[in-house]
Amino acid sequence: MVKAKKGVDFEEALDQLEELVEDMENGDLSLEESLKAFEQGIKLTRECQSALTQAEQKVQMLIAENGKLKTVALDAEEDLQE
């Protein structure tokens, strides 16, 4: 499981972000509540993006061959088995 910054679980952060979006879309929040939700959403988005970037870097390291990076499509399993 990928962890975002500050120990926040990636999936948990994504769930929180989805809840914030849903709350904002419902239109039941005051302007102040909407701004706070937006601020929290930006924070969660950055945490998720950071976690994804770290995961991408780890994957690139794992598929490196002889010190050279080999780009592999995620659906091309046969390339990884060579």
PDB file of N, CA and C in Angstrom:
ATOM      1  N   MET A   1       0.834  -1.170   0.000  1.00  0.00           N
ATOM      2  CA  MET A   1       0.000   0.000   0.000  1.00  0.00           C
ATOM      3  C   MET A   1       0.884   1.241   0.000  1.00  0.00           C
ATOM      4  N   VAL A   2       0.613   2.194  -0.876  1.00  0.00           N
ATOM      5  CA  VAL A   2       1.410   3.403  -0.997  1.00  0.00           C
ATOM      6  C   VAL A   2       1.011   4.378   0.099  1.00  0.00           C
ATOM      7  N   LYS A   3       1.994   4.964   0.747  1.00  0.00           N
ATOM      8  CA  LYS A   3       1.734   5.934   1.796  1.00  0.00           C
ATOM      9  C   LYS A   3       2.000   7.335   1.274  1.00  0.00           C
ATOM     10  N   ALA A   4       1.122   8.257   1.591  1.00  0.00           N
ATOM     11  CA  ALA A   4       1.345   9.660   1.268  1.00  0.00           C
ATOM     12  C   ALA A   4       2.181  10.270   2.384  1.00  0.00           C
ATOM     13  N   LYS A   5       2.550  11.527   2.227  1.00  0.00           N
ATOM     14  CA  LYS A   5       3.318  12.216   3.262  1.00  0.00           C
ATOM     15  C   LYS A   5       2.593  12.169   4.593  1.00  0.00           C
ATOM     16  N   LYS A   6       3.370  12.321   5.664  1.00  0.00           N
ATOM     17  CA  LYS A   6       2.848  12.400   7.017  1.00  0.00           C
ATOM     18  C   LYS A   6       2.103  11.145   7.432  1.00  0.00           C
ATOM     19  N   GLY A   7       2.406  10.001   6.818  1.00  0.00           N
ATOM     20  CA  GLY A   7       1.820   8.749   7.233  1.00  0.00           C
ATOM     21  C   GLY A   7       0.370   8.550   6.823  1.00  0.00           C
ATOM     22  N   VAL A   8      -0.182   9.435   5.998  1.00  0.00           N
ATOM     23  CA  VAL A   8      -1.566   9.283   5.562  1.00  0.00           C
ATOM     24  C   VAL A   8      -1.610   8.217   4.478  1.00  0.00           C
ATOM     25  N   ASP A   9      -2.472   7.262   4.652  1.00  0.00           N
ATOM     26  CA  ASP A   9      -2.660   6.190   3.686  1.00  0.00           C
ATOM     27  C   ASP A   9      -3.209   6.779   2.384  1.00  0.00           C
ATOM     28  N   PHE A  10      -2.642   6.359   1.248  1.00  0.00           N
ATOM     29  CA  PHE A  10      -3.054   6.891  -0.054  1.00  0.00           C
ATOM     30  C   PHE A  10      -4.551   6.709  -0.284  1.00  0.00           C
ATOM     31  N   GLU A  11      -5.031   5.498  -0.049  1.00  0.00           N
ATOM     32  CA  GLU A  11      -6.446   5.224  -0.284  1.00  0.00           C
ATOM     33  C   GLU A  11      -7.336   6.045   0.652  1.00  0.00           C
ATOM     34  N   GLU A  12      -6.885   6.214   1.886  1.00  0.00           N
ATOM     35  CA  GLU A  12      -7.637   7.020   2.847  1.00  0.00           C
ATOM     36  C   GLU A  12      -7.696   8.477   2.390  1.00  0.00           C
ATOM     37  N   ALA A  13      -6.580   9.002   1.918  1.00  0.00           N
ATOM     38  CA  ALA A  13      -6.538  10.378   1.432  1.00  0.00           C
ATOM     39  C   ALA A  13      -7.446  10.540   0.219  1.00  0.00           C
ATOM     40  N   LEU A  14      -7.434   9.561  -0.656  1.00  0.00           N
ATOM     41  CA  LEU A  14      -8.284   9.612  -1.845  1.00  0.00           C
ATOM     42  C   LEU A  14      -9.761   9.563  -1.458  1.00  0.00           C
ATOM     43  N   ASP A  15     -10.105   8.711  -0.482  1.00  0.00           N
ATOM     44  CA  ASP A  15     -11.490   8.642   0.004  1.00  0.00           C
ATOM     45  C   ASP A  15     -11.927   9.973   0.605  1.00  0.00           C
ATOM     46  N   GLN A  16     -11.033  10.591   1.386  1.00  0.00           N
ATOM     47  CA  GLN A  16     -11.354  11.888   1.987  1.00  0.00           C
ATOM     48  C   GLN A  16     -11.572  12.939   0.910  1.00  0.00           C
ATOM     49  N   LEU A  17     -10.748  12.897  -0.109  1.00  0.00           N
ATOM     50  CA  LEU A  17     -10.878  13.845  -1.216  1.00  0.00           C
ATOM     51  C   LEU A  17     -12.211  13.664  -1.940  1.00  0.00           C
ATOM     52  N   GLU A  18     -12.593  12.422  -2.170  1.00  0.00           N
ATOM     53  CA  GLU A  18     -13.877  12.141  -2.817  1.00  0.00           C
ATOM     54  C   GLU A  18     -15.047  12.649  -1.971  1.00  0.00           C
ATOM     55  N   GLU A  19     -14.951  12.478  -0.656  1.00  0.00           N
ATOM     56  CA  GLU A  19     -15.999  12.973   0.242  1.00  0.00           C
ATOM     57  C   GLU A  19     -16.093  14.493   0.191  1.00  0.00           C
ATOM     58  N   LEU A  20     -14.941  15.165   0.173  1.00  0.00           N
ATOM     59  CA  LEU A  20     -14.937  16.620   0.087  1.00  0.00           C
ATOM     60  C   LEU A  20     -15.591  17.104  -1.197  1.00  0.00           C
ATOM     61  N   VAL A  21     -15.252  16.463  -2.296  1.00  0.00           N
ATOM     62  CA  VAL A  21     -15.830  16.840  -3.593  1.00  0.00           C
ATOM     63  C   VAL A  21     -17.343  16.644  -3.563  1.00  0.00           C
ATOM     64  N   GLU A  22     -17.773  15.523  -3.023  1.00  0.00           N
ATOM     65  CA  GLU A  22     -19.213  15.248  -2.942  1.00  0.00           C
ATOM     66  C   GLU A  22     -19.926  16.305  -2.089  1.00  0.00           C
ATOM     67  N   ASP A  23     -19.339  16.643  -0.933  1.00  0.00           N
ATOM     68  CA  ASP A  23     -19.928  17.664  -0.062  1.00  0.00           C
ATOM     69  C   ASP A  23     -20.029  19.004  -0.788  1.00  0.00           C
ATOM     70  N   MET A  24     -18.994  19.358  -1.520  1.00  0.00           N
ATOM     71  CA  MET A  24     -18.995  20.637  -2.237  1.00  0.00           C
ATOM     72  C   MET A  24     -20.002  20.621  -3.379  1.00  0.00           C
ATOM     73  N   GLU A  25     -20.106  19.486  -4.064  1.00  0.00           N
ATOM     74  CA  GLU A  25     -21.050  19.382  -5.182  1.00  0.00           C
ATOM     75  C   GLU A  25     -22.500  19.454  -4.712  1.00  0.00           C
ATOM     76  N   ASN A  26     -22.765  18.968  -3.499  1.00  0.00           N
ATOM     77  CA  ASN A  26     -24.130  19.004  -2.971  1.00  0.00           C
ATOM     78  C   ASN A  26     -24.605  20.429  -2.717  1.00  0.00           C
ATOM     79  N   GLY A  27     -23.678  21.351  -2.541  1.00  0.00           N
ATOM     80  CA  GLY A  27     -24.037  22.751  -2.347  1.00  0.00           C
ATOM     81  C   GLY A  27     -24.581  23.073  -0.967  1.00  0.00           C
ATOM     82  N   ASP A  28     -24.404  22.187   0.004  1.00  0.00           N
ATOM     83  CA  ASP A  28     -24.926  22.403   1.347  1.00  0.00           C
ATOM     84  C   ASP A  28     -23.950  23.144   2.254  1.00  0.00           C
ATOM     85  N   LEU A  29     -22.749  23.436   1.762  1.00  0.00           N
ATOM     86  CA  LEU A  29     -21.740  24.082   2.585  1.00  0.00           C
ATOM     87  C   LEU A  29     -21.827  25.603   2.449  1.00  0.00           C
ATOM     88  N   SER A  30     -21.523  26.272   3.539  1.00  0.00           N
ATOM     89  CA  SER A  30     -21.438  27.732   3.494  1.00  0.00           C
ATOM     90  C   SER A  30     -20.181  28.111   2.716  1.00  0.00           C
ATOM     91  N   LEU A  31     -20.034  29.389   2.430  1.00  0.00           N
ATOM     92  CA  LEU A  31     -18.847  29.844   1.718  1.00  0.00           C
ATOM     93  C   LEU A  31     -17.586  29.521   2.515  1.00  0.00           C
ATOM     94  N   GLU A  32     -17.617  29.772   3.811  1.00  0.00           N
ATOM     95  CA  GLU A  32     -16.454  29.497   4.660  1.00  0.00           C
ATOM     96  C   GLU A  32     -16.145  28.001   4.690  1.00  0.00           C
ATOM     97  N   GLU A  33     -17.173  27.181   4.820  1.00  0.00           N
ATOM     98  CA  GLU A  33     -16.970  25.726   4.826  1.00  0.00           C
ATOM     99  C   GLU A  33     -16.435  25.246   3.478  1.00  0.00           C
ATOM    100  N   SER A  34     -16.930  25.846   2.401  1.00  0.00           N
ATOM    101  CA  SER A  34     -16.455  25.482   1.063  1.00  0.00           C
ATOM    102  C   SER A  34     -14.988  25.824   0.885  1.00  0.00           C
ATOM    103  N   LEU A  35     -14.583  26.985   1.386  1.00  0.00           N
ATOM    104  CA  LEU A  35     -13.179  27.375   1.284  1.00  0.00           C
ATOM    105  C   LEU A  35     -12.281  26.441   2.090  1.00  0.00           C
ATOM    106  N   LYS A  36     -12.733  26.060   3.282  1.00  0.00           N
ATOM    107  CA  LYS A  36     -11.966  25.116   4.100  1.00  0.00           C
ATOM    108  C   LYS A  36     -11.885  23.760   3.407  1.00  0.00           C
ATOM    109  N   ALA A  37     -12.992  23.317   2.828  1.00  0.00           N
ATOM    110  CA  ALA A  37     -13.007  22.039   2.116  1.00  0.00           C
ATOM    111  C   ALA A  37     -12.079  22.095   0.905  1.00  0.00           C
ATOM    112  N   PHE A  38     -12.099  23.215   0.201  1.00  0.00           N
ATOM    113  CA  PHE A  38     -11.225  23.381  -0.959  1.00  0.00           C
ATOM    114  C   PHE A  38      -9.765  23.334  -0.536  1.00  0.00           C
ATOM    115  N   GLU A  39      -9.428  24.032   0.548  1.00  0.00           N
ATOM    116  CA  GLU A  39      -8.059  24.035   1.065  1.00  0.00           C
ATOM    117  C   GLU A  39      -7.624  22.620   1.450  1.00  0.00           C
ATOM    118  N   GLN A  40      -8.494  21.892   2.129  1.00  0.00           N
ATOM    119  CA  GLN A  40      -8.189  20.516   2.517  1.00  0.00           C
ATOM    120  C   GLN A  40      -8.039  19.636   1.272  1.00  0.00           C
ATOM    121  N   GLY A  41      -8.881  19.882   0.275  1.00  0.00           N
ATOM    122  CA  GLY A  41      -8.804  19.120  -0.968  1.00  0.00           C
ATOM    123  C   GLY A  41      -7.485  19.327  -1.695  1.00  0.00           C
ATOM    124  N   ILE A  42      -7.006  20.571  -1.705  1.00  0.00           N
ATOM    125  CA  ILE A  42      -5.712  20.857  -2.329  1.00  0.00           C
ATOM    126  C   ILE A  42      -4.604  20.120  -1.594  1.00  0.00           C
ATOM    127  N   LYS A  43      -4.658  20.138  -0.259  1.00  0.00           N
ATOM    128  CA  LYS A  43      -3.650  19.441   0.550  1.00  0.00           C
ATOM    129  C   LYS A  43      -3.667  17.938   0.253  1.00  0.00           C
ATOM    130  N   LEU A  44      -4.856  17.351   0.228  1.00  0.00           N
ATOM    131  CA  LEU A  44      -4.970  15.919  -0.042  1.00  0.00           C
ATOM    132  C   LEU A  44      -4.506  15.580  -1.460  1.00  0.00           C
ATOM    133  N   THR A  45      -4.831  16.443  -2.417  1.00  0.00           N
ATOM    134  CA  THR A  45      -4.403  16.230  -3.800  1.00  0.00           C
ATOM    135  C   THR A  45      -2.887  16.214  -3.896  1.00  0.00           C
ATOM    136  N   ARG A  46      -2.244  17.149  -3.207  1.00  0.00           N
ATOM    137  CA  ARG A  46      -0.774  17.198  -3.222  1.00  0.00           C
ATOM    138  C   ARG A  46      -0.177  15.964  -2.562  1.00  0.00           C
ATOM    139  N   GLU A  47      -0.776  15.502  -1.471  1.00  0.00           N
ATOM    140  CA  GLU A  47      -0.288  14.296  -0.801  1.00  0.00           C
ATOM    141  C   GLU A  47      -0.426  13.079  -1.706  1.00  0.00           C
ATOM    142  N   CYS A  48      -1.566  12.971  -2.379  1.00  0.00           N
ATOM    143  CA  CYS A  48      -1.782  11.840  -3.288  1.00  0.00           C
ATOM    144  C   CYS A  48      -0.813  11.902  -4.467  1.00  0.00           C
ATOM    145  N   GLN A  49      -0.611  13.098  -5.019  1.00  0.00           N
ATOM    146  CA  GLN A  49       0.317  13.248  -6.143  1.00  0.00           C
ATOM    147  C   GLN A  49       1.733  12.882  -5.723  1.00  0.00           C
ATOM    148  N   SER A  50       2.119  13.276  -4.531  1.00  0.00           N
ATOM    149  CA  SER A  50       3.449  12.938  -4.015  1.00  0.00           C
ATOM    150  C   SER A  50       3.599  11.424  -3.873  1.00  0.00           C
ATOM    151  N   ALA A  51       2.573  10.783  -3.339  1.00  0.00           N
ATOM    152  CA  ALA A  51       2.621   9.326  -3.173  1.00  0.00           C
ATOM    153  C   ALA A  51       2.709   8.631  -4.525  1.00  0.00           C
ATOM    154  N   LEU A  52       1.975   9.122  -5.509  1.00  0.00           N
ATOM    155  CA  LEU A  52       2.014   8.530  -6.846  1.00  0.00           C
ATOM    156  C   LEU A  52       3.376   8.735  -7.498  1.00  0.00           C
ATOM    157  N   THR A  53       3.961   9.907  -7.311  1.00  0.00           N
ATOM    158  CA  THR A  53       5.288  10.180  -7.857  1.00  0.00           C
ATOM    159  C   THR A  53       6.317   9.246  -7.238  1.00  0.00           C
ATOM    160  N   GLN A  54       6.237   9.054  -5.923  1.00  0.00           N
ATOM    161  CA  GLN A  54       7.161   8.139  -5.245  1.00  0.00           C
ATOM    162  C   GLN A  54       6.978   6.714  -5.741  1.00  0.00           C
ATOM    163  N   ALA A  55       5.739   6.308  -5.938  1.00  0.00           N
ATOM    164  CA  ALA A  55       5.474   4.954  -6.435  1.00  0.00           C
ATOM    165  C   ALA A  55       6.017   4.788  -7.852  1.00  0.00           C
ATOM    166  N   GLU A  56       5.836   5.807  -8.679  1.00  0.00           N
ATOM    167  CA  GLU A  56       6.350   5.753 -10.048  1.00  0.00           C
ATOM    168  C   GLU A  56       7.871   5.634 -10.050  1.00  0.00           C
ATOM    169  N   GLN A  57       8.538   6.393  -9.183  1.00  0.00           N
ATOM    170  CA  GLN A  57       9.989   6.314  -9.100  1.00  0.00           C
ATOM    171  C   GLN A  57      10.449   4.926  -8.654  1.00  0.00           C
ATOM    172  N   LYS A  58       9.722   4.348  -7.715  1.00  0.00           N
ATOM    173  CA  LYS A  58      10.070   3.008  -7.238  1.00  0.00           C
ATOM    174  C   LYS A  58       9.898   1.978  -8.354  1.00  0.00           C
ATOM    175  N   VAL A  59       8.817   2.088  -9.112  1.00  0.00           N
ATOM    176  CA  VAL A  59       8.578   1.167 -10.224  1.00  0.00           C
ATOM    177  C   VAL A  59       9.689   1.307 -11.256  1.00  0.00           C
ATOM    178  N   GLN A  60      10.081   2.553 -11.552  1.00  0.00           N
ATOM    179  CA  GLN A  60      11.160   2.757 -12.524  1.00  0.00           C
ATOM    180  C   GLN A  60      12.455   2.119 -12.040  1.00  0.00           C
ATOM    181  N   MET A  61      12.730   2.203 -10.756  1.00  0.00           N
ATOM    182  CA  MET A  61      13.940   1.576 -10.211  1.00  0.00           C
ATOM    183  C   MET A  61      13.855   0.060 -10.319  1.00  0.00           C
ATOM    184  N   LEU A  62      12.673  -0.485 -10.097  1.00  0.00           N
ATOM    185  CA  LEU A  62      12.515  -1.935 -10.124  1.00  0.00           C
ATOM    186  C   LEU A  62      12.634  -2.516 -11.524  1.00  0.00           C
ATOM    187  N   ILE A  63      12.306  -1.729 -12.543  1.00  0.00           N
ATOM    188  CA  ILE A  63      12.364  -2.257 -13.906  1.00  0.00           C
ATOM    189  C   ILE A  63      13.642  -1.846 -14.634  1.00  0.00           C
ATOM    190  N   ALA A  64      14.555  -1.217 -13.923  1.00  0.00           N
ATOM    191  CA  ALA A  64      15.831  -0.839 -14.526  1.00  0.00           C
ATOM    192  C   ALA A  64      16.632  -2.099 -14.847  1.00  0.00           C
ATOM    193  N   GLU A  65      17.252  -2.106 -16.004  1.00  0.00           N
ATOM    194  CA  GLU A  65      18.056  -3.254 -16.427  1.00  0.00           C
ATOM    195  C   GLU A  65      19.474  -2.801 -16.718  1.00  0.00           C
ATOM    196  N   ASN A  66      20.438  -3.434 -16.076  1.00  0.00           N
ATOM    197  CA  ASN A  66      21.857  -3.136 -16.301  1.00  0.00           C
ATOM    198  C   ASN A  66      22.147  -1.641 -16.175  1.00  0.00           C
ATOM    199  N   GLY A  67      21.525  -1.010 -15.223  1.00  0.00           N
ATOM    200  CA  GLY A  67      21.774   0.413 -15.001  1.00  0.00           C
ATOM    201  C   GLY A  67      21.050   1.327 -15.967  1.00  0.00           C
ATOM    202  N   LYS A  68      20.305   0.771 -16.903  1.00  0.00           N
ATOM    203  CA  LYS A  68      19.562   1.583 -17.874  1.00  0.00           C
ATOM    204  C   LYS A  68      18.075   1.356 -17.657  1.00  0.00           C
ATOM    205  N   LEU A  69      17.338   2.430 -17.689  1.00  0.00           N
ATOM    206  CA  LEU A  69      15.898   2.349 -17.487  1.00  0.00           C
ATOM    207  C   LEU A  69      15.229   1.776 -18.723  1.00  0.00           C
ATOM    208  N   LYS A  70      14.398   0.796 -18.498  1.00  0.00           N
ATOM    209  CA  LYS A  70      13.643   0.201 -19.592  1.00  0.00           C
ATOM    210  C   LYS A  70      12.192   0.614 -19.407  1.00  0.00           C
ATOM    211  N   THR A  71      11.651   1.341 -20.363  1.00  0.00           N
ATOM    212  CA  THR A  71      10.263   1.764 -20.289  1.00  0.00           C
ATOM    213  C   THR A  71       9.385   0.610 -20.721  1.00  0.00           C
ATOM    214  N   VAL A  72       8.421   0.273 -19.866  1.00  0.00           N
ATOM    215  CA  VAL A  72       7.540  -0.856 -20.123  1.00  0.00           C
ATOM    216  C   VAL A  72       6.102  -0.398 -19.924  1.00  0.00           C
ATOM    217  N   ALA A  73       5.241  -0.698 -20.880  1.00  0.00           N
ATOM    218  CA  ALA A  73       3.822  -0.404 -20.723  1.00  0.00           C
ATOM    219  C   ALA A  73       3.272  -1.273 -19.613  1.00  0.00           C
ATOM    220  N   LEU A  74       2.371  -0.730 -18.814  1.00  0.00           N
ATOM    221  CA  LEU A  74       1.844  -1.479 -17.683  1.00  0.00           C
ATOM    222  C   LEU A  74       1.094  -2.739 -18.102  1.00  0.00           C
ATOM    223  N   ASP A  75       0.557  -2.769 -19.310  1.00  0.00           N
ATOM    224  CA  ASP A  75      -0.179  -3.942 -19.756  1.00  0.00           C
ATOM    225  C   ASP A  75       0.687  -4.903 -20.568  1.00  0.00           C
ATOM    226  N   ALA A  76       1.972  -4.666 -20.615  1.00  0.00           N
ATOM    227  CA  ALA A  76       2.880  -5.509 -21.384  1.00  0.00           C
ATOM    228  C   ALA A  76       3.653  -6.439 -20.471  1.00  0.00           C
ATOM    229  N   GLU A  77       2.957  -7.384 -19.852  1.00  0.00           N
ATOM    230  CA  GLU A  77       3.574  -8.313 -18.911  1.00  0.00           C
ATOM    231  C   GLU A  77       4.651  -9.186 -19.584  1.00  0.00           C
ATOM    232  N   GLU A  78       4.471  -9.500 -20.854  1.00  0.00           N
ATOM    233  CA  GLU A  78       5.431 -10.354 -21.518  1.00  0.00           C
ATOM    234  C   GLU A  78       6.800  -9.700 -21.584  1.00  0.00           C
ATOM    235  N   ASP A  79       6.875  -8.363 -21.630  1.00  0.00           N
ATOM    236  CA  ASP A  79       8.162  -7.664 -21.633  1.00  0.00           C
ATOM    237  C   ASP A  79       8.881  -7.852 -20.300  1.00  0.00           C
ATOM    238  N   LEU A  80       8.135  -7.904 -19.213  1.00  0.00           N
ATOM    239  CA  LEU A  80       8.742  -8.051 -17.899  1.00  0.00           C
ATOM    240  C   LEU A  80       9.259  -9.469 -17.663  1.00  0.00           C
ATOM    241  N   GLN A  81       8.701 -10.449 -18.384  1.00  0.00           N
ATOM    242  CA  GLN A  81       9.082 -11.840 -18.174  1.00  0.00           C
ATOM    243  C   GLN A  81      10.270 -12.257 -19.017  1.00  0.00           C
ATOM    244  N   GLU A  82      10.751 -11.400 -19.879  1.00  0.00           N
ATOM    245  CA  GLU A  82      11.892 -11.731 -20.744  1.00  0.00           C
ATOM    246  C   GLU A  82      13.169 -11.814 -19.966  1.00  0.00           C
TER     247      GLU A  82
END
